[in-house]
Amino acid sequence: MYAKILLCYDGSREGRLALREGARLAQITGAGVILLAVVETVAGNALAQGVDAGALAHQQADFKAILDEGHQRLSAMGLAPEVRVEFGDPVAAITHVATETGADLVVVGHHKQGFWTRWMSRSVAAALGDSLGCSLLLAQKIVEDSELFRDT
């Protein structure tokens, strides 16, 4: 069913749910896994916040720690993920990596938004649905350890 699954991971609660659900699908299907974190870089925000090279390096270190955590979790589940960090717009970066790697499925966590937030800005999930050439899973299911660490 799936040969390659792209797991988008940011270390949040929603990201952890996506990681677990995507990992379980990879276990069931025998798919390869690409673990991706996207560091959103917006020139306007960087200038407004006075971000310098040191701050960007600190942000990179934070994402490396997040990816290390994700890699450890996936390894404990018997998977051997390829790990990637991309910079820029999340939709563009995820779409690029999915296309480049030939992913059959992209798994992202669902960050709930209030009415006004959703009205004011388009969701990443909606934009991904329009830009991806493969399936998209908005993970919300709680996958228990008993499912993840049993023989597949």
N, C-alpha and C. Protein backbone atom coordinates (compact mmCIF):
# COMPACT_ATOMS: atom_id res chain seq x y z
N MET A 1 0.82 -1.19 0.00
CA MET A 1 0.00 0.00 0.00
C MET A 1 0.86 1.26 0.00
N TYR A 2 1.76 1.39 0.98
CA TYR A 2 2.68 2.53 1.03
C TYR A 2 4.11 2.00 1.01
N ALA A 3 4.95 2.61 0.17
CA ALA A 3 6.36 2.23 0.12
C ALA A 3 7.22 3.22 0.90
N LYS A 4 6.82 4.51 0.90
CA LYS A 4 7.55 5.54 1.65
C LYS A 4 6.57 6.47 2.33
N ILE A 5 6.81 6.68 3.61
CA ILE A 5 5.96 7.56 4.40
C ILE A 5 6.81 8.72 4.92
N LEU A 6 6.36 9.93 4.66
CA LEU A 6 7.02 11.14 5.16
C LEU A 6 6.31 11.57 6.43
N LEU A 7 7.04 11.50 7.55
CA LEU A 7 6.49 11.89 8.85
C LEU A 7 7.00 13.29 9.19
N CYS A 8 6.09 14.23 9.29
CA CYS A 8 6.45 15.60 9.63
C CYS A 8 6.35 15.73 11.15
N TYR A 9 7.44 16.16 11.77
CA TYR A 9 7.53 16.09 13.22
C TYR A 9 8.09 17.39 13.78
N ASP A 10 7.38 17.95 14.77
CA ASP A 10 7.84 19.19 15.39
C ASP A 10 7.99 19.08 16.90
N GLY A 11 7.80 17.89 17.44
CA GLY A 11 7.97 17.69 18.87
C GLY A 11 6.75 18.04 19.70
N SER A 12 5.72 18.62 19.09
CA SER A 12 4.50 18.98 19.81
C SER A 12 3.68 17.74 20.12
N ARG A 13 2.63 17.90 20.92
CA ARG A 13 1.72 16.80 21.22
C ARG A 13 1.15 16.26 19.92
N GLU A 14 0.70 17.16 19.05
CA GLU A 14 0.13 16.75 17.76
C GLU A 14 1.17 16.06 16.89
N GLY A 15 2.40 16.55 16.94
CA GLY A 15 3.49 15.93 16.19
C GLY A 15 3.79 14.53 16.68
N ARG A 16 3.70 14.33 18.00
CA ARG A 16 3.94 13.00 18.57
C ARG A 16 2.83 12.02 18.16
N LEU A 17 1.59 12.51 18.11
CA LEU A 17 0.50 11.66 17.65
C LEU A 17 0.73 11.25 16.19
N ALA A 18 1.15 12.21 15.38
CA ALA A 18 1.43 11.92 13.96
C ALA A 18 2.56 10.92 13.83
N LEU A 19 3.59 11.10 14.63
CA LEU A 19 4.73 10.20 14.58
C LEU A 19 4.30 8.76 14.91
N ARG A 20 3.52 8.61 15.94
CA ARG A 20 3.08 7.27 16.36
C ARG A 20 2.16 6.64 15.32
N GLU A 21 1.20 7.42 14.81
CA GLU A 21 0.26 6.87 13.83
C GLU A 21 0.99 6.53 12.52
N GLY A 22 1.87 7.42 12.07
CA GLY A 22 2.65 7.15 10.87
C GLY A 22 3.58 5.97 11.04
N ALA A 23 4.18 5.85 12.23
CA ALA A 23 5.08 4.72 12.51
C ALA A 23 4.31 3.41 12.47
N ARG A 24 3.12 3.43 13.03
CA ARG A 24 2.31 2.19 13.02
C ARG A 24 1.98 1.79 11.58
N LEU A 25 1.61 2.75 10.75
CA LEU A 25 1.34 2.45 9.34
C LEU A 25 2.58 1.89 8.65
N ALA A 26 3.74 2.46 8.96
CA ALA A 26 5.00 1.96 8.37
C ALA A 26 5.27 0.53 8.82
N GLN A 27 5.01 0.24 10.10
CA GLN A 27 5.20 -1.13 10.59
C GLN A 27 4.28 -2.10 9.84
N ILE A 28 3.03 -1.73 9.67
CA ILE A 28 2.04 -2.61 9.04
C ILE A 28 2.37 -2.83 7.56
N THR A 29 2.75 -1.76 6.88
CA THR A 29 2.96 -1.84 5.43
C THR A 29 4.40 -2.16 5.03
N GLY A 30 5.34 -2.09 5.98
CA GLY A 30 6.75 -2.29 5.66
C GLY A 30 7.35 -1.12 4.89
N ALA A 31 6.75 0.05 5.01
CA ALA A 31 7.20 1.24 4.28
C ALA A 31 8.47 1.81 4.89
N GLY A 32 9.27 2.45 4.04
CA GLY A 32 10.39 3.23 4.51
C GLY A 32 9.87 4.53 5.11
N VAL A 33 10.65 5.13 6.00
CA VAL A 33 10.20 6.33 6.70
C VAL A 33 11.21 7.45 6.53
N ILE A 34 10.70 8.63 6.22
CA ILE A 34 11.50 9.85 6.21
C ILE A 34 10.93 10.73 7.31
N LEU A 35 11.78 11.12 8.25
CA LEU A 35 11.39 11.98 9.37
C LEU A 35 11.83 13.40 9.02
N LEU A 36 10.88 14.32 8.99
CA LEU A 36 11.15 15.69 8.55
C LEU A 36 10.73 16.71 9.58
N ALA A 37 11.63 17.67 9.85
CA ALA A 37 11.27 18.86 10.61
C ALA A 37 11.51 20.05 9.70
N VAL A 38 10.58 20.98 9.73
CA VAL A 38 10.71 22.20 8.92
C VAL A 38 10.86 23.38 9.86
N VAL A 39 11.97 24.10 9.67
CA VAL A 39 12.21 25.33 10.42
C VAL A 39 11.67 26.46 9.57
N GLU A 40 10.58 27.05 10.03
CA GLU A 40 9.93 28.10 9.27
C GLU A 40 10.77 29.38 9.37
N THR A 41 11.19 29.87 8.23
CA THR A 41 11.97 31.09 8.19
C THR A 41 11.23 32.11 7.34
N VAL A 42 10.81 33.16 7.98
CA VAL A 42 10.12 34.24 7.30
C VAL A 42 10.97 35.49 7.47
N ALA A 43 11.43 36.04 6.36
CA ALA A 43 12.35 37.18 6.40
C ALA A 43 11.79 38.33 7.24
N GLY A 44 10.51 38.63 7.08
CA GLY A 44 9.91 39.73 7.83
C GLY A 44 9.94 39.49 9.32
N ASN A 45 9.61 38.29 9.74
CA ASN A 45 9.63 37.96 11.17
C ASN A 45 11.06 38.01 11.71
N ALA A 46 12.01 37.52 10.92
CA ALA A 46 13.40 37.51 11.35
C ALA A 46 13.89 38.93 11.58
N LEU A 47 13.56 39.83 10.68
CA LEU A 47 13.99 41.22 10.83
C LEU A 47 13.29 41.88 12.02
N ALA A 48 11.99 41.63 12.17
CA ALA A 48 11.23 42.23 13.25
C ALA A 48 11.73 41.79 14.61
N GLN A 49 12.19 40.57 14.70
CA GLN A 49 12.65 40.04 15.98
C GLN A 49 14.14 40.25 16.19
N GLY A 50 14.82 40.83 15.20
CA GLY A 50 16.25 41.06 15.33
C GLY A 50 17.04 39.76 15.36
N VAL A 51 16.57 38.77 14.63
CA VAL A 51 17.23 37.47 14.62
C VAL A 51 18.58 37.58 13.93
N ASP A 52 19.57 37.00 14.54
CA ASP A 52 20.90 36.98 13.93
C ASP A 52 21.34 35.54 13.73
N ALA A 53 22.54 35.36 13.27
CA ALA A 53 23.05 34.02 12.97
C ALA A 53 23.06 33.15 14.22
N GLY A 54 23.35 33.74 15.38
CA GLY A 54 23.38 32.98 16.63
C GLY A 54 22.01 32.44 17.00
N ALA A 55 20.98 33.26 16.79
CA ALA A 55 19.62 32.82 17.10
C ALA A 55 19.18 31.71 16.15
N LEU A 56 19.56 31.84 14.88
CA LEU A 56 19.22 30.81 13.91
C LEU A 56 19.93 29.50 14.26
N ALA A 57 21.18 29.60 14.69
CA ALA A 57 21.93 28.40 15.10
C ALA A 57 21.26 27.75 16.31
N HIS A 58 20.76 28.56 17.25
CA HIS A 58 20.06 28.03 18.42
C HIS A 58 18.78 27.32 17.99
N GLN A 59 18.05 27.91 17.04
CA GLN A 59 16.83 27.29 16.53
C GLN A 59 17.16 25.96 15.84
N GLN A 60 18.26 25.93 15.10
CA GLN A 60 18.69 24.69 14.45
C GLN A 60 18.98 23.62 15.51
N ALA A 61 19.64 24.01 16.59
CA ALA A 61 19.96 23.06 17.65
C ALA A 61 18.68 22.51 18.29
N ASP A 62 17.67 23.37 18.46
CA ASP A 62 16.39 22.92 19.01
C ASP A 62 15.77 21.87 18.11
N PHE A 63 15.77 22.12 16.80
CA PHE A 63 15.16 21.18 15.87
C PHE A 63 15.97 19.89 15.77
N LYS A 64 17.29 20.00 15.92
CA LYS A 64 18.11 18.77 15.91
C LYS A 64 17.73 17.90 17.10
N ALA A 65 17.51 18.52 18.26
CA ALA A 65 17.11 17.77 19.45
C ALA A 65 15.73 17.13 19.23
N ILE A 66 14.82 17.85 18.60
CA ILE A 66 13.49 17.32 18.30
C ILE A 66 13.61 16.12 17.37
N LEU A 67 14.43 16.26 16.33
CA LEU A 67 14.61 15.16 15.38
C LEU A 67 15.30 13.96 16.02
N ASP A 68 16.26 14.23 16.90
CA ASP A 68 16.92 13.13 17.62
C ASP A 68 15.90 12.35 18.45
N GLU A 69 15.00 13.07 19.11
CA GLU A 69 13.94 12.43 19.88
C GLU A 69 13.06 11.57 18.97
N GLY A 70 12.65 12.14 17.84
CA GLY A 70 11.82 11.40 16.89
C GLY A 70 12.53 10.18 16.34
N HIS A 71 13.81 10.32 16.04
CA HIS A 71 14.61 9.20 15.53
C HIS A 71 14.68 8.08 16.57
N GLN A 72 14.91 8.46 17.83
CA GLN A 72 14.98 7.46 18.90
C GLN A 72 13.65 6.72 19.06
N ARG A 73 12.55 7.47 18.98
CA ARG A 73 11.23 6.85 19.11
C ARG A 73 10.99 5.86 17.97
N LEU A 74 11.32 6.27 16.74
CA LEU A 74 11.10 5.40 15.58
C LEU A 74 12.02 4.18 15.63
N SER A 75 13.26 4.37 16.04
CA SER A 75 14.20 3.25 16.16
C SER A 75 13.71 2.24 17.17
N ALA A 76 13.15 2.73 18.29
CA ALA A 76 12.61 1.84 19.32
C ALA A 76 11.44 1.03 18.79
N MET A 77 10.79 1.52 17.73
CA MET A 77 9.66 0.83 17.11
C MET A 77 10.11 -0.09 15.99
N GLY A 78 11.43 -0.23 15.82
CA GLY A 78 11.95 -1.12 14.80
C GLY A 78 12.07 -0.52 13.42
N LEU A 79 12.01 0.81 13.32
CA LEU A 79 12.11 1.50 12.04
C LEU A 79 13.48 2.16 11.90
N ALA A 80 13.90 2.38 10.67
CA ALA A 80 15.19 3.03 10.40
C ALA A 80 14.94 4.25 9.52
N PRO A 81 14.55 5.37 10.13
CA PRO A 81 14.16 6.53 9.34
C PRO A 81 15.35 7.29 8.76
N GLU A 82 15.11 7.88 7.59
CA GLU A 82 16.01 8.91 7.05
C GLU A 82 15.56 10.21 7.73
N VAL A 83 16.50 11.00 8.22
CA VAL A 83 16.16 12.22 8.96
C VAL A 83 16.54 13.44 8.13
N ARG A 84 15.61 14.40 8.03
CA ARG A 84 15.84 15.61 7.24
C ARG A 84 15.38 16.85 8.00
N VAL A 85 16.09 17.95 7.80
CA VAL A 85 15.68 19.27 8.27
C VAL A 85 15.63 20.16 7.04
N GLU A 86 14.54 20.89 6.90
CA GLU A 86 14.40 21.83 5.80
C GLU A 86 14.07 23.20 6.39
N PHE A 87 14.38 24.23 5.63
CA PHE A 87 14.14 25.60 6.08
C PHE A 87 13.21 26.29 5.09
N GLY A 88 12.30 27.12 5.60
CA GLY A 88 11.42 27.89 4.74
C GLY A 88 9.97 27.66 5.06
N ASP A 89 9.14 27.87 4.06
CA ASP A 89 7.70 27.71 4.19
C ASP A 89 7.38 26.22 4.37
N PRO A 90 6.62 25.86 5.41
CA PRO A 90 6.33 24.45 5.66
C PRO A 90 5.66 23.73 4.49
N VAL A 91 4.70 24.35 3.86
CA VAL A 91 4.00 23.70 2.75
C VAL A 91 4.95 23.43 1.60
N ALA A 92 5.74 24.43 1.24
CA ALA A 92 6.70 24.27 0.13
C ALA A 92 7.75 23.22 0.48
N ALA A 93 8.26 23.24 1.71
CA ALA A 93 9.31 22.30 2.11
C ALA A 93 8.78 20.87 2.15
N ILE A 94 7.60 20.68 2.73
CA ILE A 94 7.02 19.33 2.81
C ILE A 94 6.72 18.80 1.41
N THR A 95 6.16 19.64 0.56
CA THR A 95 5.85 19.23 -0.82
C THR A 95 7.12 18.87 -1.57
N HIS A 96 8.17 19.67 -1.40
CA HIS A 96 9.45 19.40 -2.06
C HIS A 96 10.02 18.05 -1.63
N VAL A 97 10.07 17.81 -0.32
CA VAL A 97 10.64 16.57 0.19
C VAL A 97 9.79 15.37 -0.23
N ALA A 98 8.47 15.51 -0.19
CA ALA A 98 7.60 14.42 -0.60
C ALA A 98 7.84 14.06 -2.06
N THR A 99 7.99 15.06 -2.91
CA THR A 99 8.23 14.83 -4.33
C THR A 99 9.62 14.23 -4.55
N GLU A 100 10.62 14.82 -3.92
CA GLU A 100 12.01 14.37 -4.07
C GLU A 100 12.21 12.93 -3.63
N THR A 101 11.54 12.53 -2.56
CA THR A 101 11.75 11.18 -2.01
C THR A 101 10.76 10.16 -2.57
N GLY A 102 9.77 10.60 -3.31
CA GLY A 102 8.77 9.69 -3.84
C GLY A 102 7.83 9.16 -2.77
N ALA A 103 7.54 9.99 -1.77
CA ALA A 103 6.65 9.56 -0.69
C ALA A 103 5.25 9.26 -1.22
N ASP A 104 4.66 8.17 -0.72
CA ASP A 104 3.29 7.79 -1.06
C ASP A 104 2.29 8.42 -0.10
N LEU A 105 2.78 8.76 1.10
CA LEU A 105 1.92 9.28 2.15
C LEU A 105 2.70 10.30 2.97
N VAL A 106 2.04 11.42 3.27
CA VAL A 106 2.60 12.43 4.18
C VAL A 106 1.71 12.43 5.41
N VAL A 107 2.33 12.34 6.58
CA VAL A 107 1.60 12.34 7.85
C VAL A 107 1.97 13.59 8.62
N VAL A 108 0.96 14.37 8.98
CA VAL A 108 1.17 15.58 9.78
C VAL A 108 0.22 15.55 10.96
N GLY A 109 0.59 16.25 12.01
CA GLY A 109 -0.29 16.40 13.16
C GLY A 109 -1.30 17.49 12.88
N HIS A 110 -2.45 17.37 13.49
CA HIS A 110 -3.51 18.36 13.31
C HIS A 110 -3.50 19.32 14.49
N HIS A 111 -3.14 20.56 14.21
CA HIS A 111 -3.15 21.60 15.23
C HIS A 111 -4.50 22.31 15.14
N LYS A 112 -5.33 22.11 16.14
CA LYS A 112 -6.66 22.72 16.12
C LYS A 112 -6.54 24.23 16.22
N GLN A 113 -7.41 24.90 15.45
CA GLN A 113 -7.43 26.36 15.44
C GLN A 113 -8.84 26.83 15.72
N GLY A 114 -8.93 28.01 16.32
CA GLY A 114 -10.23 28.61 16.54
C GLY A 114 -10.79 29.17 15.24
N PHE A 115 -12.04 29.55 15.29
CA PHE A 115 -12.72 30.07 14.10
C PHE A 115 -11.98 31.25 13.48
N TRP A 116 -11.59 32.22 14.29
CA TRP A 116 -10.96 33.43 13.75
C TRP A 116 -9.59 33.14 13.15
N THR A 117 -8.83 32.29 13.79
CA THR A 117 -7.52 31.94 13.26
C THR A 117 -7.67 31.24 11.92
N ARG A 118 -8.61 30.30 11.85
CA ARG A 118 -8.84 29.58 10.60
C ARG A 118 -9.34 30.53 9.51
N TRP A 119 -10.17 31.49 9.89
CA TRP A 119 -10.72 32.44 8.93
C TRP A 119 -9.63 33.38 8.41
N MET A 120 -8.72 33.78 9.30
CA MET A 120 -7.68 34.75 8.93
C MET A 120 -6.55 34.15 8.12
N SER A 121 -6.26 32.89 8.31
CA SER A 121 -5.15 32.28 7.58
C SER A 121 -5.51 30.86 7.15
N ARG A 122 -5.03 30.49 6.01
CA ARG A 122 -5.29 29.16 5.47
C ARG A 122 -4.46 28.14 6.25
N SER A 123 -5.05 27.01 6.51
CA SER A 123 -4.33 25.99 7.27
C SER A 123 -3.26 25.32 6.41
N VAL A 124 -2.21 24.86 7.07
CA VAL A 124 -1.14 24.13 6.39
C VAL A 124 -1.73 22.87 5.76
N ALA A 125 -2.63 22.20 6.46
CA ALA A 125 -3.22 20.97 5.93
C ALA A 125 -3.97 21.22 4.63
N ALA A 126 -4.76 22.28 4.58
CA ALA A 126 -5.50 22.59 3.35
C ALA A 126 -4.55 22.89 2.21
N ALA A 127 -3.51 23.65 2.50
CA ALA A 127 -2.53 23.98 1.46
C ALA A 127 -1.79 22.72 1.00
N LEU A 128 -1.44 21.83 1.93
CA LEU A 128 -0.79 20.58 1.56
C LEU A 128 -1.70 19.72 0.69
N GLY A 129 -2.97 19.67 1.04
CA GLY A 129 -3.92 18.90 0.25
C GLY A 129 -3.96 19.35 -1.20
N ASP A 130 -3.77 20.65 -1.42
CA ASP A 130 -3.77 21.20 -2.78
C ASP A 130 -2.44 21.01 -3.50
N SER A 131 -1.33 20.93 -2.75
CA SER A 131 -0.01 20.93 -3.40
C SER A 131 0.63 19.55 -3.53
N LEU A 132 0.25 18.60 -2.68
CA LEU A 132 0.88 17.28 -2.72
C LEU A 132 0.36 16.42 -3.87
N GLY A 133 1.23 15.58 -4.36
CA GLY A 133 0.84 14.61 -5.38
C GLY A 133 0.66 13.22 -4.79
N CYS A 134 0.52 13.14 -3.47
CA CYS A 134 0.33 11.85 -2.80
C CYS A 134 -0.71 12.02 -1.71
N SER A 135 -0.99 10.97 -0.98
CA SER A 135 -1.99 11.02 0.08
C SER A 135 -1.48 11.80 1.29
N LEU A 136 -2.42 12.37 2.03
CA LEU A 136 -2.11 13.17 3.22
C LEU A 136 -2.96 12.65 4.36
N LEU A 137 -2.30 12.38 5.49
CA LEU A 137 -3.00 11.94 6.69
C LEU A 137 -2.83 12.99 7.77
N LEU A 138 -3.96 13.51 8.28
CA LEU A 138 -3.95 14.41 9.44
C LEU A 138 -4.15 13.52 10.66
N ALA A 139 -3.06 13.21 11.31
CA ALA A 139 -3.10 12.23 12.39
C ALA A 139 -3.71 12.81 13.65
N GLN A 140 -4.68 12.07 14.20
CA GLN A 140 -5.30 12.46 15.46
C GLN A 140 -5.54 11.25 16.36
N LYS A 141 -5.36 10.05 15.82
CA LYS A 141 -5.62 8.82 16.56
C LYS A 141 -4.54 8.61 17.63
N ILE A 142 -4.94 8.20 18.78
CA ILE A 142 -3.98 7.86 19.82
C ILE A 142 -3.61 6.39 19.63
N VAL A 143 -2.33 6.15 19.33
CA VAL A 143 -1.83 4.80 19.12
C VAL A 143 -1.12 4.38 20.41
N GLU A 144 -1.62 3.35 21.02
CA GLU A 144 -1.07 2.88 22.30
C GLU A 144 0.25 2.14 22.10
N ASP A 145 1.08 2.11 23.14
CA ASP A 145 2.34 1.38 23.09
C ASP A 145 2.14 -0.10 22.74
N SER A 146 1.04 -0.66 23.21
CA SER A 146 0.78 -2.08 22.94
C SER A 146 0.65 -2.34 21.43
N GLU A 147 0.20 -1.36 20.69
CA GLU A 147 0.10 -1.50 19.22
C GLU A 147 1.48 -1.32 18.57
N LEU A 148 2.27 -0.40 19.08
CA LEU A 148 3.54 -0.06 18.46
C LEU A 148 4.64 -1.08 18.70
N PHE A 149 4.63 -1.69 19.87
CA PHE A 149 5.74 -2.54 20.25
C PHE A 149 5.39 -4.02 20.26
N ARG A 150 4.41 -4.39 19.45
CA ARG A 150 4.09 -5.81 19.30
C ARG A 150 4.63 -6.26 17.94
N ASP A 151 4.69 -7.55 17.75
CA ASP A 151 5.12 -8.08 16.46
C ASP A 151 4.09 -7.71 15.41
N THR A 152 4.58 -7.27 14.25
CA THR A 152 3.65 -6.86 13.19
C THR A 152 3.28 -8.01 12.29
